[in-house]
């Protein structure tokens, strides 16, 4: 009788710990993702990326940058005078390879 009670308690603890671990994995996003935290563009690269992005959008102000974006080497977020935002994608040579209006997600 004692052995079966220990088995039931052990199984119950395993279920509780397993559920807690699944909750942590769900809260942290995709457990298989290798993407790290966003890294801002700095130094001379920031100046070049900003100039290229602002030339592409025809003005505005740079409000966010990222190196190693999932879509390109550099990403520069530009906020236009009307408040809308455009994400400008740049390659390693600071050439525009794409852009899209930011949906605010």
N, C-alpha and C. Protein backbone atom coordinates (compact mmCIF):
# COMPACT_ATOMS: atom_id res chain seq x y z
N UNK A 1 0.81 -1.18 0.00
CA UNK A 1 0.00 0.00 0.00
C UNK A 1 0.86 1.26 0.00
N UNK A 2 1.95 1.28 0.79
CA UNK A 2 2.82 2.44 0.86
C UNK A 2 3.49 2.69 -0.50
N UNK A 3 3.87 1.63 -1.20
CA UNK A 3 4.53 1.77 -2.49
C UNK A 3 3.61 2.42 -3.51
N UNK A 4 2.35 2.01 -3.56
CA UNK A 4 1.42 2.59 -4.53
C UNK A 4 1.13 4.06 -4.19
N UNK A 5 1.08 4.41 -2.89
CA UNK A 5 0.85 5.80 -2.49
C UNK A 5 2.04 6.67 -2.91
N UNK A 6 3.27 6.17 -2.74
CA UNK A 6 4.46 6.90 -3.17
C UNK A 6 4.45 7.09 -4.68
N UNK A 7 4.04 6.08 -5.41
CA UNK A 7 3.98 6.15 -6.86
C UNK A 7 2.99 7.22 -7.30
N UNK A 8 1.83 7.27 -6.66
CA UNK A 8 0.80 8.26 -7.00
C UNK A 8 1.31 9.67 -6.69
N UNK A 9 1.92 9.87 -5.53
CA UNK A 9 2.45 11.19 -5.16
C UNK A 9 3.55 11.60 -6.13
N UNK A 10 4.45 10.68 -6.47
CA UNK A 10 5.54 10.98 -7.40
C UNK A 10 4.98 11.34 -8.77
N UNK A 11 3.99 10.62 -9.24
CA UNK A 11 3.38 10.92 -10.54
C UNK A 11 2.69 12.28 -10.50
N UNK A 12 2.04 12.60 -9.40
CA UNK A 12 1.37 13.90 -9.28
C UNK A 12 2.37 15.05 -9.30
N UNK A 13 3.49 14.88 -8.61
CA UNK A 13 4.54 15.91 -8.61
C UNK A 13 5.10 16.09 -10.02
N UNK A 14 5.32 15.00 -10.73
CA UNK A 14 5.85 15.08 -12.09
C UNK A 14 4.90 15.82 -13.01
N UNK A 15 3.60 15.59 -12.87
CA UNK A 15 2.61 16.29 -13.69
C UNK A 15 2.62 17.78 -13.39
N UNK A 16 2.65 18.15 -12.12
CA UNK A 16 2.67 19.57 -11.74
C UNK A 16 3.93 20.25 -12.27
N UNK A 17 5.10 19.63 -12.10
CA UNK A 17 6.34 20.22 -12.58
C UNK A 17 6.35 20.33 -14.09
N UNK A 18 5.84 19.32 -14.77
CA UNK A 18 5.76 19.36 -16.24
C UNK A 18 4.87 20.48 -16.72
N UNK A 19 3.74 20.69 -16.07
CA UNK A 19 2.83 21.76 -16.47
C UNK A 19 3.47 23.12 -16.23
N UNK A 20 4.18 23.27 -15.14
CA UNK A 20 4.88 24.53 -14.86
C UNK A 20 5.94 24.82 -15.90
N UNK A 21 6.68 23.81 -16.30
CA UNK A 21 7.70 23.98 -17.33
C UNK A 21 7.11 24.37 -18.66
N UNK A 22 5.96 23.79 -19.01
CA UNK A 22 5.29 24.15 -20.26
C UNK A 22 4.83 25.59 -20.22
N UNK A 23 4.38 26.05 -19.06
CA UNK A 23 3.95 27.44 -18.93
C UNK A 23 5.10 28.40 -19.12
N UNK A 24 6.26 28.07 -18.59
CA UNK A 24 7.43 28.92 -18.77
C UNK A 24 7.85 28.94 -20.23
N UNK A 25 7.83 27.79 -20.90
CA UNK A 25 8.19 27.75 -22.31
C UNK A 25 7.23 28.57 -23.15
N UNK A 26 5.95 28.52 -22.84
CA UNK A 26 4.96 29.29 -23.59
C UNK A 26 5.14 30.78 -23.34
N UNK A 27 5.47 31.17 -22.13
CA UNK A 27 5.63 32.58 -21.80
C UNK A 27 6.86 33.18 -22.45
N UNK A 28 7.88 32.38 -22.71
CA UNK A 28 9.11 32.91 -23.27
C UNK A 28 9.09 32.89 -24.79
N UNK A 29 8.01 32.46 -25.42
CA UNK A 29 7.93 32.45 -26.88
C UNK A 29 8.33 31.11 -27.43
N UNK A 30 8.79 31.10 -28.66
CA UNK A 30 9.17 29.88 -29.36
C UNK A 30 10.42 29.29 -28.72
N UNK A 31 10.31 28.10 -28.12
CA UNK A 31 11.48 27.52 -27.46
C UNK A 31 12.58 27.13 -28.44
N UNK A 32 12.27 26.98 -29.73
CA UNK A 32 13.27 26.60 -30.73
C UNK A 32 13.89 27.82 -31.41
N UNK A 33 13.44 29.02 -31.06
CA UNK A 33 13.94 30.23 -31.69
C UNK A 33 15.38 30.49 -31.29
N UNK A 34 16.21 30.85 -32.27
CA UNK A 34 17.59 31.21 -31.99
C UNK A 34 17.77 32.72 -32.02
N UNK A 35 16.70 33.44 -32.26
CA UNK A 35 16.77 34.89 -32.34
C UNK A 35 16.99 35.49 -30.96
N UNK A 36 18.00 36.33 -30.84
CA UNK A 36 18.29 36.96 -29.56
C UNK A 36 17.60 38.32 -29.48
N UNK A 37 17.98 39.09 -28.50
CA UNK A 37 17.40 40.42 -28.34
C UNK A 37 17.83 41.34 -29.47
N UNK A 38 17.01 42.36 -29.75
CA UNK A 38 17.34 43.34 -30.78
C UNK A 38 18.62 44.07 -30.40
N UNK A 39 19.47 44.30 -31.41
CA UNK A 39 20.72 45.03 -31.21
C UNK A 39 20.66 46.28 -32.07
N UNK A 40 20.79 47.44 -31.46
CA UNK A 40 20.71 48.71 -32.18
C UNK A 40 21.97 48.92 -33.02
N UNK A 41 21.79 49.64 -34.12
CA UNK A 41 22.92 50.04 -34.96
C UNK A 41 23.66 51.15 -34.22
N UNK A 42 24.99 51.15 -34.27
CA UNK A 42 25.77 52.16 -33.58
C UNK A 42 26.86 52.73 -34.48
N UNK A 43 27.47 53.81 -34.02
CA UNK A 43 28.65 54.39 -34.67
C UNK A 43 28.40 54.86 -36.09
N UNK A 44 29.43 54.68 -36.93
CA UNK A 44 29.39 55.10 -38.32
C UNK A 44 28.27 54.39 -39.09
N UNK A 45 28.03 53.13 -38.75
CA UNK A 45 26.97 52.37 -39.41
C UNK A 45 25.61 53.02 -39.15
N UNK A 46 25.39 53.56 -37.94
CA UNK A 46 24.13 54.23 -37.63
C UNK A 46 23.94 55.45 -38.52
N UNK A 47 24.99 56.23 -38.71
CA UNK A 47 24.89 57.42 -39.56
C UNK A 47 24.58 57.04 -41.00
N UNK A 48 25.26 56.03 -41.52
CA UNK A 48 25.05 55.61 -42.91
C UNK A 48 23.65 55.00 -43.10
N UNK A 49 23.24 54.15 -42.15
CA UNK A 49 21.92 53.52 -42.25
C UNK A 49 20.81 54.56 -42.14
N UNK A 50 20.98 55.52 -41.24
CA UNK A 50 19.97 56.58 -41.07
C UNK A 50 19.85 57.41 -42.33
N UNK A 51 20.98 57.81 -42.91
CA UNK A 51 20.97 58.62 -44.13
C UNK A 51 20.28 57.87 -45.27
N UNK A 52 20.59 56.59 -45.43
CA UNK A 52 19.97 55.80 -46.50
C UNK A 52 18.47 55.66 -46.29
N UNK A 53 18.06 55.41 -45.05
CA UNK A 53 16.63 55.24 -44.76
C UNK A 53 15.87 56.54 -44.97
N UNK A 54 16.42 57.65 -44.50
CA UNK A 54 15.75 58.95 -44.65
C UNK A 54 15.68 59.37 -46.12
N UNK A 55 16.70 59.05 -46.89
CA UNK A 55 16.66 59.33 -48.33
C UNK A 55 15.56 58.51 -49.00
N UNK A 56 15.39 57.28 -48.54
CA UNK A 56 14.36 56.40 -49.10
C UNK A 56 12.95 56.88 -48.78
N UNK A 57 12.76 57.40 -47.58
CA UNK A 57 11.41 57.82 -47.17
C UNK A 57 11.13 59.28 -47.52
N UNK A 58 12.16 60.02 -47.91
CA UNK A 58 11.96 61.42 -48.23
C UNK A 58 11.88 62.31 -47.00
N UNK A 59 12.37 61.85 -45.88
CA UNK A 59 12.37 62.65 -44.66
C UNK A 59 11.83 61.88 -43.49
N UNK A 60 11.58 62.59 -42.41
CA UNK A 60 11.12 61.98 -41.17
C UNK A 60 12.26 61.95 -40.16
N UNK A 61 12.10 61.12 -39.15
CA UNK A 61 13.16 60.97 -38.15
C UNK A 61 13.31 59.49 -37.80
N UNK A 62 14.53 59.10 -37.57
CA UNK A 62 14.83 57.71 -37.21
C UNK A 62 14.41 57.50 -35.76
N UNK A 63 13.56 56.51 -35.54
CA UNK A 63 13.05 56.25 -34.19
C UNK A 63 13.49 54.91 -33.61
N UNK A 64 14.02 54.04 -34.46
CA UNK A 64 14.50 52.74 -33.97
C UNK A 64 15.39 52.11 -35.03
N UNK A 65 16.39 51.36 -34.59
CA UNK A 65 17.27 50.66 -35.53
C UNK A 65 17.55 49.26 -35.01
N UNK A 66 17.97 48.40 -35.94
CA UNK A 66 18.30 47.03 -35.55
C UNK A 66 19.32 46.44 -36.52
N UNK A 67 20.33 45.78 -35.97
CA UNK A 67 21.29 45.02 -36.77
C UNK A 67 20.85 43.57 -36.75
N UNK A 68 20.94 42.90 -37.90
CA UNK A 68 20.62 41.48 -37.94
C UNK A 68 19.14 41.21 -37.88
N UNK A 69 18.36 42.08 -38.47
CA UNK A 69 16.92 41.89 -38.54
C UNK A 69 16.62 40.61 -39.32
N UNK A 70 15.48 39.99 -39.06
CA UNK A 70 15.13 38.74 -39.75
C UNK A 70 14.91 38.94 -41.24
N UNK A 71 14.67 40.17 -41.68
CA UNK A 71 14.40 40.44 -43.10
C UNK A 71 15.59 41.02 -43.84
N UNK A 72 16.56 41.58 -43.14
CA UNK A 72 17.69 42.21 -43.80
C UNK A 72 18.83 42.38 -42.79
N UNK A 73 19.95 42.91 -43.28
CA UNK A 73 21.08 43.11 -42.38
C UNK A 73 20.81 44.24 -41.39
N UNK A 74 20.29 45.36 -41.90
CA UNK A 74 19.90 46.48 -41.05
C UNK A 74 18.43 46.78 -41.23
N UNK A 75 17.78 47.21 -40.17
CA UNK A 75 16.41 47.73 -40.26
C UNK A 75 16.40 49.09 -39.56
N UNK A 76 15.81 50.07 -40.24
CA UNK A 76 15.69 51.40 -39.67
C UNK A 76 14.22 51.79 -39.70
N UNK A 77 13.69 52.10 -38.53
CA UNK A 77 12.31 52.56 -38.44
C UNK A 77 12.32 54.09 -38.53
N UNK A 78 11.55 54.62 -39.47
CA UNK A 78 11.46 56.07 -39.67
C UNK A 78 10.03 56.49 -39.36
N UNK A 79 9.89 57.51 -38.51
CA UNK A 79 8.58 58.10 -38.24
C UNK A 79 8.45 59.34 -39.11
N UNK A 80 7.43 59.33 -39.94
CA UNK A 80 7.19 60.43 -40.87
C UNK A 80 6.48 61.58 -40.16
N UNK A 81 6.44 62.73 -40.81
CA UNK A 81 5.83 63.93 -40.21
C UNK A 81 4.37 63.72 -39.84
N UNK A 82 3.66 62.83 -40.56
CA UNK A 82 2.24 62.59 -40.25
C UNK A 82 2.05 61.56 -39.13
N UNK A 83 3.16 61.08 -38.55
CA UNK A 83 3.09 60.12 -37.44
C UNK A 83 3.15 58.67 -37.88
N UNK A 84 3.02 58.39 -39.17
CA UNK A 84 3.10 57.01 -39.64
C UNK A 84 4.56 56.55 -39.59
N UNK A 85 4.75 55.25 -39.60
CA UNK A 85 6.09 54.69 -39.50
C UNK A 85 6.37 53.77 -40.67
N UNK A 86 7.62 53.79 -41.11
CA UNK A 86 8.07 52.94 -42.20
C UNK A 86 9.32 52.21 -41.74
N UNK A 87 9.33 50.90 -41.94
CA UNK A 87 10.53 50.10 -41.66
C UNK A 87 11.30 49.97 -42.97
N UNK A 88 12.52 50.47 -42.99
CA UNK A 88 13.37 50.42 -44.18
C UNK A 88 14.41 49.32 -43.97
N UNK A 89 14.48 48.40 -44.91
CA UNK A 89 15.41 47.28 -44.85
C UNK A 89 16.64 47.61 -45.70
N UNK A 90 17.83 47.41 -45.12
CA UNK A 90 19.08 47.71 -45.80
C UNK A 90 20.00 46.50 -45.80
N UNK A 91 20.82 46.39 -46.86
CA UNK A 91 21.83 45.32 -46.86
C UNK A 91 23.10 45.83 -46.19
N UNK A 92 24.16 45.03 -46.20
CA UNK A 92 25.41 45.40 -45.51
C UNK A 92 26.09 46.62 -46.12
N UNK A 93 25.76 46.95 -47.38
CA UNK A 93 26.35 48.11 -48.05
C UNK A 93 25.44 49.34 -47.92
N UNK A 94 24.42 49.25 -47.07
CA UNK A 94 23.47 50.33 -46.80
C UNK A 94 22.59 50.66 -48.01
N UNK A 95 22.40 49.68 -48.89
CA UNK A 95 21.47 49.82 -50.02
C UNK A 95 20.09 49.37 -49.56
N UNK A 96 19.06 50.10 -49.96
CA UNK A 96 17.70 49.74 -49.59
C UNK A 96 17.30 48.48 -50.34
N UNK A 97 16.84 47.48 -49.60
CA UNK A 97 16.39 46.23 -50.20
C UNK A 97 14.90 46.03 -50.00
N UNK A 98 14.25 46.94 -49.28
CA UNK A 98 12.80 46.86 -49.09
C UNK A 98 12.34 47.84 -48.04
N UNK A 99 11.05 48.07 -48.02
CA UNK A 99 10.46 48.91 -46.97
C UNK A 99 8.99 48.57 -46.88
N UNK A 100 8.43 48.84 -45.71
CA UNK A 100 7.00 48.61 -45.53
C UNK A 100 6.48 49.52 -44.43
N UNK A 101 5.24 49.91 -44.60
CA UNK A 101 4.60 50.70 -43.55
C UNK A 101 4.43 49.83 -42.32
N UNK A 102 4.77 50.36 -41.15
CA UNK A 102 4.66 49.61 -39.91
C UNK A 102 3.20 49.59 -39.49
N UNK A 103 2.68 48.40 -39.25
CA UNK A 103 1.26 48.27 -38.87
C UNK A 103 1.04 48.52 -37.40
N UNK A 104 2.11 48.71 -36.61
CA UNK A 104 1.98 49.01 -35.19
C UNK A 104 1.79 47.80 -34.32
N UNK A 105 2.02 46.59 -34.84
CA UNK A 105 1.85 45.36 -34.04
C UNK A 105 2.86 45.29 -32.95
